[in-house]
Amino acid sequence: MTKGEIVSNISNQLGIDKSDVQITIEKFMEEIKDSLESGNNVYLRGFGSFIIKKRAKKTGRNISKNTAVIIPEHNIPAFKPSKMFVNAVKSKVTL
């Protein structure tokens, strides 16, 4: 599902103009991004958490040059779904 499909679905279900829904979704994502960039996690009860994970320093390999590369310690954004969310997906999705 794309962001455009999400906007269309919400617009159709709630009867709100697509441009208003688009602006709301864009602002929501911007707020999450800004919060993570400032070092704060975002917790959405019943959905999950957007958190910052710290990756330790490690040695990687450049295969084409056959050399070792030091990858410094760094932070990455991550999403951790809530237990309710995980259980809902487990019970309804079959592949």
PDB file of N, CA and C in Angstrom:
ATOM      1  N   MET A   1       0.852  -1.171   0.000  1.00  0.00           N
ATOM      2  CA  MET A   1       0.000   0.000   0.000  1.00  0.00           C
ATOM      3  C   MET A   1       0.899   1.235   0.000  1.00  0.00           C
ATOM      4  N   THR A   2       0.547   2.217  -0.803  1.00  0.00           N
ATOM      5  CA  THR A   2       1.308   3.453  -0.898  1.00  0.00           C
ATOM      6  C   THR A   2       0.655   4.557  -0.068  1.00  0.00           C
ATOM      7  N   LYS A   3       1.382   5.649   0.110  1.00  0.00           N
ATOM      8  CA  LYS A   3       0.833   6.780   0.853  1.00  0.00           C
ATOM      9  C   LYS A   3      -0.410   7.323   0.139  1.00  0.00           C
ATOM     10  N   GLY A   4      -0.387   7.343  -1.186  1.00  0.00           N
ATOM     11  CA  GLY A   4      -1.545   7.810  -1.954  1.00  0.00           C
ATOM     12  C   GLY A   4      -2.775   6.950  -1.725  1.00  0.00           C
ATOM     13  N   GLU A   5      -2.572   5.644  -1.621  1.00  0.00           N
ATOM     14  CA  GLU A   5      -3.694   4.737  -1.353  1.00  0.00           C
ATOM     15  C   GLU A   5      -4.240   4.943   0.059  1.00  0.00           C
ATOM     16  N   ILE A   6      -3.349   5.191   1.003  1.00  0.00           N
ATOM     17  CA  ILE A   6      -3.792   5.474   2.371  1.00  0.00           C
ATOM     18  C   ILE A   6      -4.631   6.743   2.396  1.00  0.00           C
ATOM     19  N   VAL A   7      -4.156   7.791   1.716  1.00  0.00           N
ATOM     20  CA  VAL A   7      -4.889   9.061   1.650  1.00  0.00           C
ATOM     21  C   VAL A   7      -6.264   8.838   1.031  1.00  0.00           C
ATOM     22  N   SER A   8      -6.327   8.092  -0.065  1.00  0.00           N
ATOM     23  CA  SER A   8      -7.601   7.821  -0.729  1.00  0.00           C
ATOM     24  C   SER A   8      -8.564   7.052   0.170  1.00  0.00           C
ATOM     25  N   ASN A   9      -8.059   6.023   0.851  1.00  0.00           N
ATOM     26  CA  ASN A   9      -8.909   5.218   1.727  1.00  0.00           C
ATOM     27  C   ASN A   9      -9.483   6.054   2.868  1.00  0.00           C
ATOM     28  N   ILE A  10      -8.637   6.842   3.522  1.00  0.00           N
ATOM     29  CA  ILE A  10      -9.108   7.670   4.635  1.00  0.00           C
ATOM     30  C   ILE A  10     -10.102   8.710   4.132  1.00  0.00           C
ATOM     31  N   SER A  11      -9.804   9.306   2.999  1.00  0.00           N
ATOM     32  CA  SER A  11     -10.690  10.315   2.422  1.00  0.00           C
ATOM     33  C   SER A  11     -12.067   9.727   2.110  1.00  0.00           C
ATOM     34  N   ASN A  12     -12.082   8.549   1.517  1.00  0.00           N
ATOM     35  CA  ASN A  12     -13.345   7.901   1.167  1.00  0.00           C
ATOM     36  C   ASN A  12     -14.131   7.473   2.407  1.00  0.00           C
ATOM     37  N   GLN A  13     -13.436   6.947   3.413  1.00  0.00           N
ATOM     38  CA  GLN A  13     -14.112   6.450   4.612  1.00  0.00           C
ATOM     39  C   GLN A  13     -14.684   7.570   5.473  1.00  0.00           C
ATOM     40  N   LEU A  14     -13.970   8.698   5.536  1.00  0.00           N
ATOM     41  CA  LEU A  14     -14.399   9.781   6.419  1.00  0.00           C
ATOM     42  C   LEU A  14     -15.093  10.926   5.696  1.00  0.00           C
ATOM     43  N   GLY A  15     -15.059  10.926   4.372  1.00  0.00           N
ATOM     44  CA  GLY A  15     -15.679  12.008   3.615  1.00  0.00           C
ATOM     45  C   GLY A  15     -14.934  13.329   3.735  1.00  0.00           C
ATOM     46  N   ILE A  16     -13.626  13.258   3.947  1.00  0.00           N
ATOM     47  CA  ILE A  16     -12.789  14.457   4.052  1.00  0.00           C
ATOM     48  C   ILE A  16     -12.051  14.637   2.739  1.00  0.00           C
ATOM     49  N   ASP A  17     -11.812  15.883   2.367  1.00  0.00           N
ATOM     50  CA  ASP A  17     -11.097  16.199   1.132  1.00  0.00           C
ATOM     51  C   ASP A  17      -9.709  15.557   1.143  1.00  0.00           C
ATOM     52  N   LYS A  18      -9.282  14.994   0.009  1.00  0.00           N
ATOM     53  CA  LYS A  18      -7.998  14.310  -0.085  1.00  0.00           C
ATOM     54  C   LYS A  18      -6.829  15.230   0.270  1.00  0.00           C
ATOM     55  N   SER A  19      -6.915  16.494  -0.106  1.00  0.00           N
ATOM     56  CA  SER A  19      -5.797  17.404   0.188  1.00  0.00           C
ATOM     57  C   SER A  19      -5.642  17.622   1.692  1.00  0.00           C
ATOM     58  N   ASP A  20      -6.765  17.661   2.429  1.00  0.00           N
ATOM     59  CA  ASP A  20      -6.690  17.804   3.884  1.00  0.00           C
ATOM     60  C   ASP A  20      -6.080  16.562   4.536  1.00  0.00           C
ATOM     61  N   VAL A  21      -6.464  15.397   4.045  1.00  0.00           N
ATOM     62  CA  VAL A  21      -5.918  14.145   4.568  1.00  0.00           C
ATOM     63  C   VAL A  21      -4.422  14.065   4.250  1.00  0.00           C
ATOM     64  N   GLN A  22      -4.048  14.450   3.039  1.00  0.00           N
ATOM     65  CA  GLN A  22      -2.637  14.435   2.625  1.00  0.00           C
ATOM     66  C   GLN A  22      -1.796  15.325   3.542  1.00  0.00           C
ATOM     67  N   ILE A  23      -2.272  16.530   3.805  1.00  0.00           N
ATOM     68  CA  ILE A  23      -1.556  17.466   4.678  1.00  0.00           C
ATOM     69  C   ILE A  23      -1.418  16.886   6.084  1.00  0.00           C
ATOM     70  N   THR A  24      -2.476  16.265   6.591  1.00  0.00           N
ATOM     71  CA  THR A  24      -2.453  15.675   7.935  1.00  0.00           C
ATOM     72  C   THR A  24      -1.441  14.543   8.027  1.00  0.00           C
ATOM     73  N   ILE A  25      -1.445  13.657   7.047  1.00  0.00           N
ATOM     74  CA  ILE A  25      -0.513  12.532   7.054  1.00  0.00           C
ATOM     75  C   ILE A  25       0.927  13.018   6.922  1.00  0.00           C
ATOM     76  N   GLU A  26       1.157  13.986   6.032  1.00  0.00           N
ATOM     77  CA  GLU A  26       2.507  14.546   5.867  1.00  0.00           C
ATOM     78  C   GLU A  26       2.997  15.160   7.177  1.00  0.00           C
ATOM     79  N   LYS A  27       2.132  15.911   7.867  1.00  0.00           N
ATOM     80  CA  LYS A  27       2.502  16.544   9.129  1.00  0.00           C
ATOM     81  C   LYS A  27       2.768  15.496  10.209  1.00  0.00           C
ATOM     82  N   PHE A  28       1.961  14.432  10.248  1.00  0.00           N
ATOM     83  CA  PHE A  28       2.153  13.347  11.201  1.00  0.00           C
ATOM     84  C   PHE A  28       3.536  12.715  11.018  1.00  0.00           C
ATOM     85  N   MET A  29       3.895  12.400   9.777  1.00  0.00           N
ATOM     86  CA  MET A  29       5.194  11.787   9.503  1.00  0.00           C
ATOM     87  C   MET A  29       6.332  12.755   9.826  1.00  0.00           C
ATOM     88  N   GLU A  30       6.138  14.028   9.549  1.00  0.00           N
ATOM     89  CA  GLU A  30       7.148  15.039   9.855  1.00  0.00           C
ATOM     90  C   GLU A  30       7.380  15.147  11.361  1.00  0.00           C
ATOM     91  N   GLU A  31       6.302  15.084  12.145  1.00  0.00           N
ATOM     92  CA  GLU A  31       6.421  15.145  13.602  1.00  0.00           C
ATOM     93  C   GLU A  31       7.199  13.945  14.149  1.00  0.00           C
ATOM     94  N   ILE A  32       6.935  12.766  13.618  1.00  0.00           N
ATOM     95  CA  ILE A  32       7.665  11.569  14.045  1.00  0.00           C
ATOM     96  C   ILE A  32       9.141  11.724  13.695  1.00  0.00           C
ATOM     97  N   LYS A  33       9.425  12.149  12.481  1.00  0.00           N
ATOM     98  CA  LYS A  33      10.805  12.331  12.033  1.00  0.00           C
ATOM     99  C   LYS A  33      11.527  13.370  12.890  1.00  0.00           C
ATOM    100  N   ASP A  34      10.893  14.501  13.146  1.00  0.00           N
ATOM    101  CA  ASP A  34      11.508  15.554  13.956  1.00  0.00           C
ATOM    102  C   ASP A  34      11.784  15.076  15.377  1.00  0.00           C
ATOM    103  N   SER A  35      10.855  14.313  15.937  1.00  0.00           N
ATOM    104  CA  SER A  35      11.030  13.794  17.294  1.00  0.00           C
ATOM    105  C   SER A  35      12.228  12.853  17.357  1.00  0.00           C
ATOM    106  N   LEU A  36      12.340  11.942  16.391  1.00  0.00           N
ATOM    107  CA  LEU A  36      13.468  11.009  16.368  1.00  0.00           C
ATOM    108  C   LEU A  36      14.784  11.739  16.134  1.00  0.00           C
ATOM    109  N   GLU A  37      14.769  12.742  15.268  1.00  0.00           N
ATOM    110  CA  GLU A  37      15.987  13.506  15.004  1.00  0.00           C
ATOM    111  C   GLU A  37      16.465  14.249  16.245  1.00  0.00           C
ATOM    112  N   SER A  38      15.539  14.637  17.116  1.00  0.00           N
ATOM    113  CA  SER A  38      15.923  15.336  18.341  1.00  0.00           C
ATOM    114  C   SER A  38      16.238  14.359  19.483  1.00  0.00           C
ATOM    115  N   GLY A  39      16.187  13.060  19.218  1.00  0.00           N
ATOM    116  CA  GLY A  39      16.569  12.063  20.206  1.00  0.00           C
ATOM    117  C   GLY A  39      15.436  11.523  21.049  1.00  0.00           C
ATOM    118  N   ASN A  40      14.191  11.832  20.700  1.00  0.00           N
ATOM    119  CA  ASN A  40      13.028  11.369  21.461  1.00  0.00           C
ATOM    120  C   ASN A  40      12.317  10.242  20.724  1.00  0.00           C
ATOM    121  N   ASN A  41      11.932   9.199  21.458  1.00  0.00           N
ATOM    122  CA  ASN A  41      11.154   8.110  20.886  1.00  0.00           C
ATOM    123  C   ASN A  41       9.688   8.529  20.806  1.00  0.00           C
ATOM    124  N   VAL A  42       8.922   7.870  19.920  1.00  0.00           N
ATOM    125  CA  VAL A  42       7.495   8.151  19.760  1.00  0.00           C
ATOM    126  C   VAL A  42       6.729   6.873  20.091  1.00  0.00           C
ATOM    127  N   TYR A  43       5.799   6.960  21.054  1.00  0.00           N
ATOM    128  CA  TYR A  43       5.025   5.803  21.493  1.00  0.00           C
ATOM    129  C   TYR A  43       3.556   5.995  21.112  1.00  0.00           C
ATOM    130  N   LEU A  44       3.011   5.061  20.334  1.00  0.00           N
ATOM    131  CA  LEU A  44       1.610   5.102  19.933  1.00  0.00           C
ATOM    132  C   LEU A  44       0.928   3.862  20.517  1.00  0.00           C
ATOM    133  N   ARG A  45       0.192   4.061  21.599  1.00  0.00           N
ATOM    134  CA  ARG A  45      -0.437   2.954  22.328  1.00  0.00           C
ATOM    135  C   ARG A  45      -1.337   2.137  21.398  1.00  0.00           C
ATOM    136  N   GLY A  46      -1.172   0.825  21.422  1.00  0.00           N
ATOM    137  CA  GLY A  46      -1.965  -0.080  20.609  1.00  0.00           C
ATOM    138  C   GLY A  46      -1.450  -0.241  19.193  1.00  0.00           C
ATOM    139  N   PHE A  47      -0.438   0.546  18.794  1.00  0.00           N
ATOM    140  CA  PHE A  47       0.121   0.451  17.448  1.00  0.00           C
ATOM    141  C   PHE A  47       1.583   0.046  17.501  1.00  0.00           C
ATOM    142  N   GLY A  48       2.406   0.843  18.186  1.00  0.00           N
ATOM    143  CA  GLY A  48       3.821   0.524  18.292  1.00  0.00           C
ATOM    144  C   GLY A  48       4.638   1.745  18.653  1.00  0.00           C
ATOM    145  N   SER A  49       5.952   1.577  18.583  1.00  0.00           N
ATOM    146  CA  SER A  49       6.868   2.647  18.957  1.00  0.00           C
ATOM    147  C   SER A  49       7.893   2.874  17.860  1.00  0.00           C
ATOM    148  N   PHE A  50       8.156   4.132  17.587  1.00  0.00           N
ATOM    149  CA  PHE A  50       9.253   4.517  16.717  1.00  0.00           C
ATOM    150  C   PHE A  50      10.399   4.869  17.655  1.00  0.00           C
ATOM    151  N   ILE A  51      11.476   4.097  17.580  1.00  0.00           N
ATOM    152  CA  ILE A  51      12.562   4.253  18.536  1.00  0.00           C
ATOM    153  C   ILE A  51      13.889   4.456  17.820  1.00  0.00           C
ATOM    154  N   ILE A  52      14.875   4.911  18.584  1.00  0.00           N
ATOM    155  CA  ILE A  52      16.229   5.082  18.072  1.00  0.00           C
ATOM    156  C   ILE A  52      17.064   3.934  18.618  1.00  0.00           C
ATOM    157  N   LYS A  53      17.706   3.185  17.718  1.00  0.00           N
ATOM    158  CA  LYS A  53      18.576   2.091  18.118  1.00  0.00           C
ATOM    159  C   LYS A  53      20.020   2.488  17.864  1.00  0.00           C
ATOM    160  N   LYS A  54      20.892   2.100  18.787  1.00  0.00           N
ATOM    161  CA  LYS A  54      22.315   2.379  18.628  1.00  0.00           C
ATOM    162  C   LYS A  54      23.005   1.147  18.058  1.00  0.00           C
ATOM    163  N   ARG A  55      23.698   1.320  16.965  1.00  0.00           N
ATOM    164  CA  ARG A  55      24.478   0.237  16.361  1.00  0.00           C
ATOM    165  C   ARG A  55      25.928   0.384  16.807  1.00  0.00           C
ATOM    166  N   ALA A  56      26.519  -0.690  17.252  1.00  0.00           N
ATOM    167  CA  ALA A  56      27.896  -0.670  17.737  1.00  0.00           C
ATOM    168  C   ALA A  56      28.880  -0.565  16.576  1.00  0.00           C
ATOM    169  N   LYS A  57      30.083  -0.113  16.889  1.00  0.00           N
ATOM    170  CA  LYS A  57      31.166  -0.056  15.899  1.00  0.00           C
ATOM    171  C   LYS A  57      31.490  -1.477  15.470  1.00  0.00           C
ATOM    172  N   LYS A  58      31.725  -1.670  14.161  1.00  0.00           N
ATOM    173  CA  LYS A  58      32.065  -3.001  13.684  1.00  0.00           C
ATOM    174  C   LYS A  58      32.962  -2.914  12.455  1.00  0.00           C
ATOM    175  N   THR A  59      33.520  -4.032  12.085  1.00  0.00           N
ATOM    176  CA  THR A  59      34.364  -4.110  10.903  1.00  0.00           C
ATOM    177  C   THR A  59      33.574  -4.748   9.784  1.00  0.00           C
ATOM    178  N   GLY A  60      33.519  -4.062   8.643  1.00  0.00           N
ATOM    179  CA  GLY A  60      32.845  -4.587   7.466  1.00  0.00           C
ATOM    180  C   GLY A  60      33.866  -4.931   6.392  1.00  0.00           C
ATOM    181  N   ARG A  61      33.400  -5.443   5.274  1.00  0.00           N
ATOM    182  CA  ARG A  61      34.299  -5.816   4.181  1.00  0.00           C
ATOM    183  C   ARG A  61      33.863  -5.133   2.900  1.00  0.00           C
ATOM    184  N   ASN A  62      34.846  -4.569   2.167  1.00  0.00           N
ATOM    185  CA  ASN A  62      34.619  -4.082   0.816  1.00  0.00           C
ATOM    186  C   ASN A  62      35.046  -5.217  -0.102  1.00  0.00           C
ATOM    187  N   ILE A  63      34.080  -5.955  -0.607  1.00  0.00           N
ATOM    188  CA  ILE A  63      34.369  -7.169  -1.365  1.00  0.00           C
ATOM    189  C   ILE A  63      35.113  -6.865  -2.660  1.00  0.00           C
ATOM    190  N   SER A  64      34.737  -5.774  -3.336  1.00  0.00           N
ATOM    191  CA  SER A  64      35.365  -5.474  -4.626  1.00  0.00           C
ATOM    192  C   SER A  64      36.849  -5.140  -4.483  1.00  0.00           C
ATOM    193  N   LYS A  65      37.243  -4.512  -3.377  1.00  0.00           N
ATOM    194  CA  LYS A  65      38.656  -4.160  -3.157  1.00  0.00           C
ATOM    195  C   LYS A  65      39.344  -5.121  -2.190  1.00  0.00           C
ATOM    196  N   ASN A  66      38.585  -6.037  -1.608  1.00  0.00           N
ATOM    197  CA  ASN A  66      39.086  -7.004  -0.642  1.00  0.00           C
ATOM    198  C   ASN A  66      39.808  -6.319   0.521  1.00  0.00           C
ATOM    199  N   THR A  67      39.140  -5.303   1.095  1.00  0.00           N
ATOM    200  CA  THR A  67      39.712  -4.571   2.227  1.00  0.00           C
ATOM    201  C   THR A  67      38.706  -4.530   3.376  1.00  0.00           C
ATOM    202  N   ALA A  68      39.227  -4.314   4.575  1.00  0.00           N
ATOM    203  CA  ALA A  68      38.373  -4.159   5.749  1.00  0.00           C
ATOM    204  C   ALA A  68      37.996  -2.695   5.896  1.00  0.00           C
ATOM    205  N   VAL A  69      36.758  -2.446   6.284  1.00  0.00           N
ATOM    206  CA  VAL A  69      36.261  -1.085   6.484  1.00  0.00           C
ATOM    207  C   VAL A  69      35.696  -0.998   7.895  1.00  0.00           C
ATOM    208  N   ILE A  70      36.080   0.049   8.623  1.00  0.00           N
ATOM    209  CA  ILE A  70      35.553   0.264   9.964  1.00  0.00           C
ATOM    210  C   ILE A  70      34.246   1.048   9.844  1.00  0.00           C
ATOM    211  N   ILE A  71      33.175   0.486  10.361  1.00  0.00           N
ATOM    212  CA  ILE A  71      31.874   1.154  10.380  1.00  0.00           C
ATOM    213  C   ILE A  71      31.697   1.711  11.788  1.00  0.00           C
ATOM    214  N   PRO A  72      31.646   3.037  11.929  1.00  0.00           N
ATOM    215  CA  PRO A  72      31.578   3.625  13.272  1.00  0.00           C
ATOM    216  C   PRO A  72      30.224   3.386  13.944  1.00  0.00           C
ATOM    217  N   GLU A  73      30.192   3.586  15.261  1.00  0.00           N
ATOM    218  CA  GLU A  73      28.949   3.509  16.013  1.00  0.00           C
ATOM    219  C   GLU A  73      27.981   4.559  15.470  1.00  0.00           C
ATOM    220  N   HIS A  74      26.714   4.177  15.309  1.00  0.00           N
ATOM    221  CA  HIS A  74      25.728   5.123  14.781  1.00  0.00           C
ATOM    222  C   HIS A  74      24.331   4.758  15.262  1.00  0.00           C
ATOM    223  N   ASN A  75      23.423   5.709  15.132  1.00  0.00           N
ATOM    224  CA  ASN A  75      22.023   5.510  15.530  1.00  0.00           C
ATOM    225  C   ASN A  75      21.163   5.335  14.289  1.00  0.00           C
ATOM    226  N   ILE A  76      20.154   4.474  14.407  1.00  0.00           N
ATOM    227  CA  ILE A  76      19.209   4.271  13.305  1.00  0.00           C
ATOM    228  C   ILE A  76      17.783   4.302  13.848  1.00  0.00           C
ATOM    229  N   PRO A  77      16.833   4.760  13.029  1.00  0.00           N
ATOM    230  CA  PRO A  77      15.429   4.693  13.457  1.00  0.00           C
ATOM    231  C   PRO A  77      14.902   3.267  13.284  1.00  0.00           C
ATOM    232  N   ALA A  78      13.984   2.881  14.151  1.00  0.00           N
ATOM    233  CA  ALA A  78      13.390   1.545  14.076  1.00  0.00           C
ATOM    234  C   ALA A  78      11.936   1.626  14.532  1.00  0.00           C
ATOM    235  N   PHE A  79      11.152   0.647  14.093  1.00  0.00           N
ATOM    236  CA  PHE A  79       9.750   0.550  14.518  1.00  0.00           C
ATOM    237  C   PHE A  79       9.574  -0.752  15.274  1.00  0.00           C
ATOM    238  N   LYS A  80       8.971  -0.673  16.449  1.00  0.00           N
ATOM    239  CA  LYS A  80       8.673  -1.863  17.247  1.00  0.00           C
ATOM    240  C   LYS A  80       7.157  -1.935  17.414  1.00  0.00           C
ATOM    241  N   PRO A  81       6.498  -2.906  16.757  1.00  0.00           N
ATOM    242  CA  PRO A  81       5.037  -2.996  16.867  1.00  0.00           C
ATOM    243  C   PRO A  81       4.599  -3.441  18.261  1.00  0.00           C
ATOM    244  N   SER A  82       3.394  -3.007  18.653  1.00  0.00           N
ATOM    245  CA  SER A  82       2.848  -3.410  19.946  1.00  0.00           C
ATOM    246  C   SER A  82       2.427  -4.873  19.893  1.00  0.00           C
ATOM    247  N   LYS A  83       2.252  -5.477  21.049  1.00  0.00           N
ATOM    248  CA  LYS A  83       1.829  -6.880  21.109  1.00  0.00           C
ATOM    249  C   LYS A  83       0.466  -7.074  20.459  1.00  0.00           C
ATOM    250  N   MET A  84      -0.441  -6.107  20.658  1.00  0.00           N
ATOM    251  CA  MET A  84      -1.775  -6.199  20.049  1.00  0.00           C
ATOM    252  C   MET A  84      -1.667  -6.206  18.522  1.00  0.00           C
ATOM    253  N   PHE A  85      -0.809  -5.356  17.986  1.00  0.00           N
ATOM    254  CA  PHE A  85      -0.599  -5.253  16.542  1.00  0.00           C
ATOM    255  C   PHE A  85      -0.021  -6.563  16.000  1.00  0.00           C
ATOM    256  N   VAL A  86       0.997  -7.089  16.672  1.00  0.00           N
ATOM    257  CA  VAL A  86       1.635  -8.335  16.249  1.00  0.00           C
ATOM    258  C   VAL A  86       0.630  -9.482  16.271  1.00  0.00           C
ATOM    259  N   ASN A  87      -0.137  -9.585  17.336  1.00  0.00           N
ATOM    260  CA  ASN A  87      -1.117 -10.665  17.441  1.00  0.00           C
ATOM    261  C   ASN A  87      -2.210 -10.555  16.382  1.00  0.00           C
ATOM    262  N   ALA A  88      -2.632  -9.337  16.054  1.00  0.00           N
ATOM    263  CA  ALA A  88      -3.646  -9.145  15.014  1.00  0.00           C
ATOM    264  C   ALA A  88      -3.127  -9.600  13.660  1.00  0.00           C
ATOM    265  N   VAL A  89      -1.884  -9.257  13.364  1.00  0.00           N
ATOM    266  CA  VAL A  89      -1.298  -9.663  12.082  1.00  0.00           C
ATOM    267  C   VAL A  89      -1.124 -11.183  12.045  1.00  0.00           C
ATOM    268  N   LYS A  90      -0.636 -11.758  13.137  1.00  0.00           N
ATOM    269  CA  LYS A  90      -0.439 -13.210  13.195  1.00  0.00           C
ATOM    270  C   LYS A  90      -1.742 -13.966  12.963  1.00  0.00           C
ATOM    271  N   SER A  91      -2.829 -13.468  13.533  1.00  0.00           N
ATOM    272  CA  SER A  91      -4.093 -14.204  13.446  1.00  0.00           C
ATOM    273  C   SER A  91      -4.811 -14.011  12.114  1.00  0.00           C
ATOM    274  N   LYS A  92      -4.525 -12.920  11.389  1.00  0.00           N
ATOM    275  CA  LYS A  92      -5.285 -12.633  10.173  1.00  0.00           C
ATOM    276  C   LYS A  92      -4.526 -12.839   8.870  1.00  0.00           C
ATOM    277  N   VAL A  93      -3.199 -12.821   8.902  1.00  0.00           N
ATOM    278  CA  VAL A  93      -2.413 -12.928   7.676  1.00  0.00           C
ATOM    279  C   VAL A  93      -1.956 -14.368   7.475  1.00  0.00           C
ATOM    280  N   THR A  94      -2.257 -14.898   6.300  1.00  0.00           N
ATOM    281  CA  THR A  94      -1.758 -16.226   5.925  1.00  0.00           C
ATOM    282  C   THR A  94      -1.059 -16.086   4.581  1.00  0.00           C
ATOM    283  N   LEU A  95       0.130 -16.618   4.501  1.00  0.00           N
ATOM    284  CA  LEU A  95       0.897 -16.538   3.251  1.00  0.00           C
ATOM    285  C   LEU A  95       0.956 -17.863   2.559  1.00  0.00           C
TER     286      LEU A  95
END
